[in-house]
Amino acid sequence: MKITTIEKLSEENQALVRLAMESRKHAYSPYSSHLVGAAVRSKEGNTYGGCNIEIITLQMSAHAERNAVMNMAMHGDRVIDALVCYGPYSGVPCAECRQVIWEFCDNNPDVLIIGATTEGEIELMTIGEIYPYPYGPTTKGIDCKKY
């Protein structure tokens, strides 16, 4: 993982971070008050936002990264180029979100993950670094781009 600042990111990645910041404004988090925004850029260059949505049972809640990826898939894009997770501390996606991200990485461990904190820290990592032994579509011989 590499620590940097938003100013050192490419303009394209800065825009993705800003979309995650904007998406965070729509988070619904009455139980934990942990507001998170996310944004994903597809291989086609389209961008999609997401935010966390809590449900009182918490097990039914949906994380921002998952909502951004689902938003991407809902619009017909199937391959992630980069993803931003923006929140109050480390932007490293949880294990469940890593699985969802991997599902749409087209078996590419070099997909960029940008963890952006509300304190201004930027953490650069790849899905392969944070999910080194993935279980996903190719394990089952499935090409997600066909669905």
Protein backbone atom coordinates (compact mmCIF):
# COMPACT_ATOMS: atom_id res chain seq x y z
CA MET A 1 0.00 0.00 0.00
CA LYS A 2 1.22 3.47 -0.85
CA ILE A 3 0.17 6.61 1.07
CA THR A 4 -0.21 9.81 -0.95
CA THR A 5 -2.43 12.90 -1.31
CA ILE A 6 -5.26 13.68 -3.70
CA GLU A 7 -3.17 16.30 -5.50
CA LYS A 8 -0.71 13.60 -6.58
CA LEU A 9 -3.41 11.49 -8.26
CA SER A 10 -4.19 11.74 -11.96
CA GLU A 11 -7.07 14.06 -12.86
CA GLU A 12 -9.15 10.99 -13.70
CA ASN A 13 -8.56 9.49 -10.25
CA GLN A 14 -9.11 12.84 -8.52
CA ALA A 15 -12.52 13.01 -10.21
CA LEU A 16 -13.29 9.49 -8.97
CA VAL A 17 -12.38 10.51 -5.40
CA ARG A 18 -14.63 13.58 -5.70
CA LEU A 19 -17.52 11.38 -6.87
CA ALA A 20 -17.02 9.15 -3.80
CA MET A 21 -17.00 12.26 -1.59
CA GLU A 22 -20.23 13.46 -3.19
CA SER A 23 -21.81 10.01 -2.89
CA ARG A 24 -21.03 9.95 0.85
CA LYS A 25 -23.46 12.85 1.31
CA HIS A 26 -26.30 10.44 0.52
CA ALA A 27 -25.30 7.73 3.01
CA TYR A 28 -28.02 6.50 5.33
CA SER A 29 -26.33 5.59 8.58
CA PRO A 30 -28.59 6.33 11.57
CA TYR A 31 -27.27 3.45 13.71
CA SER A 32 -23.49 3.75 13.46
CA SER A 33 -23.16 7.28 12.06
CA HIS A 34 -20.37 5.82 9.89
CA LEU A 35 -20.92 7.61 6.57
CA VAL A 36 -19.08 6.11 3.59
CA GLY A 37 -19.11 6.97 -0.10
CA ALA A 38 -17.63 5.01 -2.97
CA ALA A 39 -17.12 5.39 -6.67
CA VAL A 40 -16.15 2.96 -9.37
CA ARG A 41 -14.80 3.56 -12.86
CA SER A 42 -15.53 0.85 -15.38
CA LYS A 43 -13.09 -0.31 -18.01
CA GLU A 44 -15.32 1.57 -20.48
CA GLY A 45 -14.57 4.82 -18.58
CA ASN A 46 -18.01 5.27 -17.01
CA THR A 47 -18.23 6.26 -13.35
CA TYR A 48 -20.79 5.22 -10.75
CA GLY A 49 -21.28 6.30 -7.16
CA GLY A 50 -22.52 4.43 -4.13
CA CYS A 51 -22.99 5.01 -0.42
CA ASN A 52 -23.63 2.85 2.59
CA ILE A 53 -27.24 2.17 3.53
CA GLU A 54 -27.83 0.83 7.04
CA ILE A 55 -30.79 -1.25 8.10
CA ILE A 56 -31.53 -1.64 11.80
CA THR A 57 -30.43 -5.30 11.83
CA LEU A 58 -27.06 -4.19 10.35
CA GLN A 59 -26.62 -7.62 8.71
CA MET A 60 -28.91 -6.39 5.92
CA SER A 61 -26.95 -3.17 5.43
CA ALA A 62 -25.13 -2.54 2.18
CA HIS A 63 -21.65 -1.03 2.05
CA ALA A 64 -20.80 1.86 -0.25
CA GLU A 65 -18.34 -0.14 -2.36
CA ARG A 66 -20.93 -2.84 -3.02
CA ASN A 67 -23.56 -0.27 -3.93
CA ALA A 68 -21.18 1.44 -6.38
CA VAL A 69 -20.30 -1.88 -8.03
CA MET A 70 -23.96 -2.91 -8.17
CA ASN A 71 -24.78 0.49 -9.71
CA MET A 72 -22.13 -0.18 -12.36
CA ALA A 73 -23.51 -3.65 -13.08
CA MET A 74 -27.07 -2.33 -13.16
CA HIS A 75 -26.01 0.02 -15.97
CA GLY A 76 -24.49 -2.84 -17.99
CA ASP A 77 -20.78 -2.36 -17.29
CA ARG A 78 -19.06 -5.50 -16.08
CA VAL A 79 -15.37 -4.72 -15.54
CA ILE A 80 -13.89 -2.40 -12.89
CA ASP A 81 -10.91 -0.21 -13.78
CA ALA A 82 -10.62 1.53 -10.39
CA LEU A 83 -12.60 1.95 -7.19
CA VAL A 84 -12.55 4.56 -4.42
CA CYS A 85 -13.75 4.02 -0.86
CA TYR A 86 -14.13 7.31 1.06
CA GLY A 87 -14.84 7.45 4.78
CA PRO A 88 -13.76 8.64 8.21
CA TYR A 89 -10.75 6.34 8.49
CA SER A 90 -8.91 3.77 6.39
CA GLY A 91 -10.54 3.22 3.01
CA VAL A 92 -9.48 -0.42 2.78
CA PRO A 93 -12.60 -2.37 1.73
CA CYS A 94 -13.88 -5.08 4.09
CA ALA A 95 -13.67 -8.76 3.15
CA GLU A 96 -17.22 -8.88 1.82
CA CYS A 97 -16.62 -5.85 -0.40
CA ARG A 98 -13.33 -7.33 -1.65
CA GLN A 99 -15.29 -10.36 -2.85
CA VAL A 100 -17.79 -8.14 -4.71
CA ILE A 101 -14.97 -6.08 -6.23
CA TRP A 102 -13.15 -9.23 -7.35
CA GLU A 103 -16.31 -10.51 -9.04
CA PHE A 104 -16.06 -7.61 -11.50
CA CYS A 105 -12.27 -7.34 -11.91
CA ASP A 106 -12.11 -9.72 -14.89
CA ASN A 107 -9.48 -11.75 -13.03
CA ASN A 108 -7.13 -8.74 -12.92
CA PRO A 109 -5.27 -8.41 -9.59
CA ASP A 110 -3.93 -4.98 -10.64
CA VAL A 111 -7.28 -3.18 -10.42
CA LEU A 112 -6.62 0.03 -8.48
CA ILE A 113 -8.29 0.58 -5.12
CA ILE A 114 -8.05 4.10 -3.68
CA GLY A 115 -8.84 4.43 0.01
CA ALA A 116 -9.57 8.09 0.78
CA THR A 117 -10.12 9.33 4.31
CA THR A 118 -12.04 12.37 5.48
CA GLU A 119 -8.74 13.50 7.02
CA GLY A 120 -7.19 13.76 3.52
CA GLU A 121 -5.04 10.63 3.47
CA ILE A 122 -5.04 8.61 0.25
CA GLU A 123 -4.13 4.91 0.34
CA LEU A 124 -3.28 3.30 -3.01
CA MET A 125 -3.50 -0.47 -3.30
CA THR A 126 -4.57 -3.14 -5.75
CA ILE A 127 -7.25 -5.73 -5.29
CA GLY A 128 -4.51 -8.37 -5.57
CA GLU A 129 -2.66 -6.89 -2.59
CA ILE A 130 -5.69 -6.87 -0.32
CA TYR A 131 -7.27 -10.07 -1.67
CA PRO A 132 -4.31 -12.27 -2.60
CA TYR A 133 -6.12 -15.62 -2.94
CA PRO A 134 -9.41 -14.75 -4.60
CA TYR A 135 -12.36 -17.00 -5.17
CA GLY A 136 -14.41 -15.73 -8.05
CA PRO A 137 -16.04 -16.29 -11.41
CA THR A 138 -12.98 -17.81 -13.09
CA THR A 139 -12.82 -20.40 -10.30
CA LYS A 140 -16.09 -21.68 -11.75
CA GLY A 141 -15.12 -21.07 -15.40
CA ILE A 142 -17.44 -18.06 -15.67
CA ASP A 143 -16.73 -14.90 -17.71
CA CYS A 144 -18.77 -12.14 -16.04
CA LYS A 145 -18.68 -10.04 -19.22
CA LYS A 146 -21.07 -12.56 -20.83
CA TYR A 147 -23.82 -11.89 -18.31
